[in-house]
Amino acid sequence: MNTDKQHFVVAFKSDKMGSGDDQLGGLLIKAYINTLVENDNKPAALVFYNAGVLLAAEDGDTAPALQVLEEQGVELLLCGTCVEFFDLKQRLAAGTISNMYAISETLSSTGHVIYP
C-alpha cells in the first residue's frame, strides 16, 4: 500500500454506499464517514449531490461526523439544486450550499476522486 498522502476529494452521489440492500448501504456510508474522521489523510473536500445531500441533514446519522470533518478543515460542498429539491435548507447540520460550477471545479482540480 502506498502511504504517500495524496490530495483527494470524496463525492457522495447517494446516502447509501454500494448497491443492493438499502439498510446495509446506510450502515456502510455511516461507517465510511466515521472512518474519515479518524483517518490521518483527510480529503481536501467532500462534495454532495443528488441524494448524497441527505447525509448532511441535522437528523441524519452522519451529521455529527460531518460537523467534525468540517471543524478539521475539510470543505463540504452541497449541491444547491439538490438541497432545494429535498427541501433541506433549514435542516442542514454541516456544509456549504454551493453550485455545480464550484463542485465541477473541485472535482476537476483534485488528484483523485473517490465515489464510495
Protein backbone atom coordinates (compact mmCIF):
# COMPACT_ATOMS: atom_id res chain seq x y z
CA MET A 1 0.00 0.00 0.00
CA ASN A 2 1.30 3.45 -0.91
CA THR A 3 1.50 5.61 2.22
CA ASP A 4 2.19 8.91 0.43
CA LYS A 5 -0.52 11.37 1.37
CA GLN A 6 -2.48 12.45 -1.66
CA HIS A 7 -4.83 15.31 -2.47
CA PHE A 8 -8.25 13.76 -2.94
CA VAL A 9 -11.96 14.60 -2.88
CA VAL A 10 -14.81 12.30 -1.88
CA ALA A 11 -18.02 12.64 -3.92
CA PHE A 12 -21.28 11.41 -2.39
CA LYS A 13 -23.95 10.83 -5.00
CA SER A 14 -26.19 8.84 -2.67
CA ASP A 15 -26.96 8.49 1.02
CA LYS A 16 -26.05 4.81 0.69
CA MET A 17 -22.79 3.01 -0.10
CA GLY A 18 -22.92 0.47 -2.90
CA SER A 19 -25.97 -1.11 -4.41
CA GLY A 20 -28.17 -3.87 -3.09
CA ASP A 21 -29.73 -3.63 0.34
CA ASP A 22 -30.52 -0.01 1.32
CA GLN A 23 -30.28 -0.69 5.05
CA LEU A 24 -26.82 -2.18 4.64
CA GLY A 25 -25.83 0.69 2.31
CA GLY A 26 -26.85 3.20 5.00
CA LEU A 27 -24.74 1.42 7.61
CA LEU A 28 -21.75 1.30 5.27
CA ILE A 29 -21.85 5.00 4.36
CA LYS A 30 -22.08 5.95 8.05
CA ALA A 31 -19.07 3.76 8.82
CA TYR A 32 -17.14 5.26 5.90
CA ILE A 33 -17.78 8.85 7.01
CA ASN A 34 -16.91 7.99 10.63
CA THR A 35 -13.67 6.43 9.38
CA LEU A 36 -12.79 9.66 7.53
CA VAL A 37 -12.88 11.46 10.88
CA GLU A 38 -10.23 9.09 12.26
CA ASN A 39 -8.11 8.97 9.09
CA ASP A 40 -4.84 10.93 9.21
CA ASN A 41 -5.04 11.56 5.46
CA LYS A 42 -8.11 13.80 5.24
CA PRO A 43 -9.77 14.62 1.94
CA ALA A 44 -9.46 18.20 0.73
CA ALA A 45 -13.23 18.29 0.26
CA LEU A 46 -16.42 16.31 0.33
CA VAL A 47 -18.98 17.06 -2.35
CA PHE A 48 -22.61 16.03 -2.06
CA TYR A 49 -25.14 15.85 -4.87
CA ASN A 50 -28.41 14.09 -5.64
CA ALA A 51 -29.46 12.02 -2.59
CA GLY A 52 -25.96 12.46 -1.16
CA VAL A 53 -27.07 15.81 0.29
CA LEU A 54 -29.33 13.88 2.68
CA LEU A 55 -26.18 12.87 4.57
CA ALA A 56 -25.78 16.48 5.77
CA ALA A 57 -29.27 16.73 7.29
CA GLU A 58 -29.28 17.51 11.01
CA ASP A 59 -31.47 14.49 11.77
CA GLY A 60 -29.15 12.08 9.94
CA ASP A 61 -26.75 9.57 11.47
CA THR A 62 -23.78 11.13 9.67
CA ALA A 63 -24.32 14.75 10.78
CA PRO A 64 -22.01 14.60 13.86
CA ALA A 65 -19.10 13.16 11.87
CA LEU A 66 -19.58 15.69 9.07
CA GLN A 67 -19.51 18.51 11.60
CA VAL A 68 -16.22 17.17 12.99
CA LEU A 69 -14.72 16.89 9.50
CA GLU A 70 -15.72 20.48 8.81
CA GLU A 71 -14.07 21.55 12.08
CA GLN A 72 -10.96 19.64 11.00
CA GLY A 73 -10.75 21.82 7.88
CA VAL A 74 -12.39 19.58 5.29
CA GLU A 75 -14.54 21.61 2.87
CA LEU A 76 -18.10 20.30 2.47
CA LEU A 77 -19.90 21.43 -0.70
CA LEU A 78 -23.59 20.71 -1.14
CA CYS A 79 -25.40 20.97 -4.46
CA GLY A 80 -27.85 23.86 -4.04
CA THR A 81 -30.33 22.45 -6.57
CA CYS A 82 -30.32 19.14 -4.68
CA VAL A 83 -30.76 20.84 -1.29
CA GLU A 84 -33.78 22.68 -2.69
CA PHE A 85 -35.17 19.52 -4.30
CA PHE A 86 -35.09 17.65 -0.97
CA ASP A 87 -36.22 20.77 0.97
CA LEU A 88 -33.19 20.57 3.29
CA LYS A 89 -32.06 24.20 3.54
CA GLN A 90 -33.39 24.72 7.07
CA ARG A 91 -32.29 21.27 8.25
CA LEU A 92 -28.60 21.19 7.32
CA ALA A 93 -26.13 20.29 10.05
CA ALA A 94 -22.94 20.88 8.08
CA GLY A 95 -21.60 22.05 4.76
CA THR A 96 -21.92 25.00 2.44
CA ILE A 97 -24.65 25.25 -0.15
CA SER A 98 -22.85 25.56 -3.44
CA ASN A 99 -23.45 25.21 -7.15
CA MET A 100 -22.46 22.81 -9.87
CA TYR A 101 -19.72 25.14 -11.12
CA ALA A 102 -17.89 25.01 -7.76
CA ILE A 103 -18.48 21.26 -7.48
CA SER A 104 -17.14 20.74 -11.00
CA GLU A 105 -14.07 22.87 -10.24
CA THR A 106 -13.41 20.95 -7.03
CA LEU A 107 -13.71 17.56 -8.72
CA SER A 108 -11.60 18.52 -11.74
CA SER A 109 -8.79 20.16 -9.77
CA THR A 110 -8.02 17.26 -7.45
CA GLY A 111 -5.58 14.42 -7.89
CA HIS A 112 -8.18 11.73 -7.11
CA VAL A 113 -11.95 11.49 -6.74
CA ILE A 114 -13.40 8.74 -4.57
CA TYR A 115 -17.02 7.64 -5.00
CA PRO A 116 -17.94 5.48 -2.01
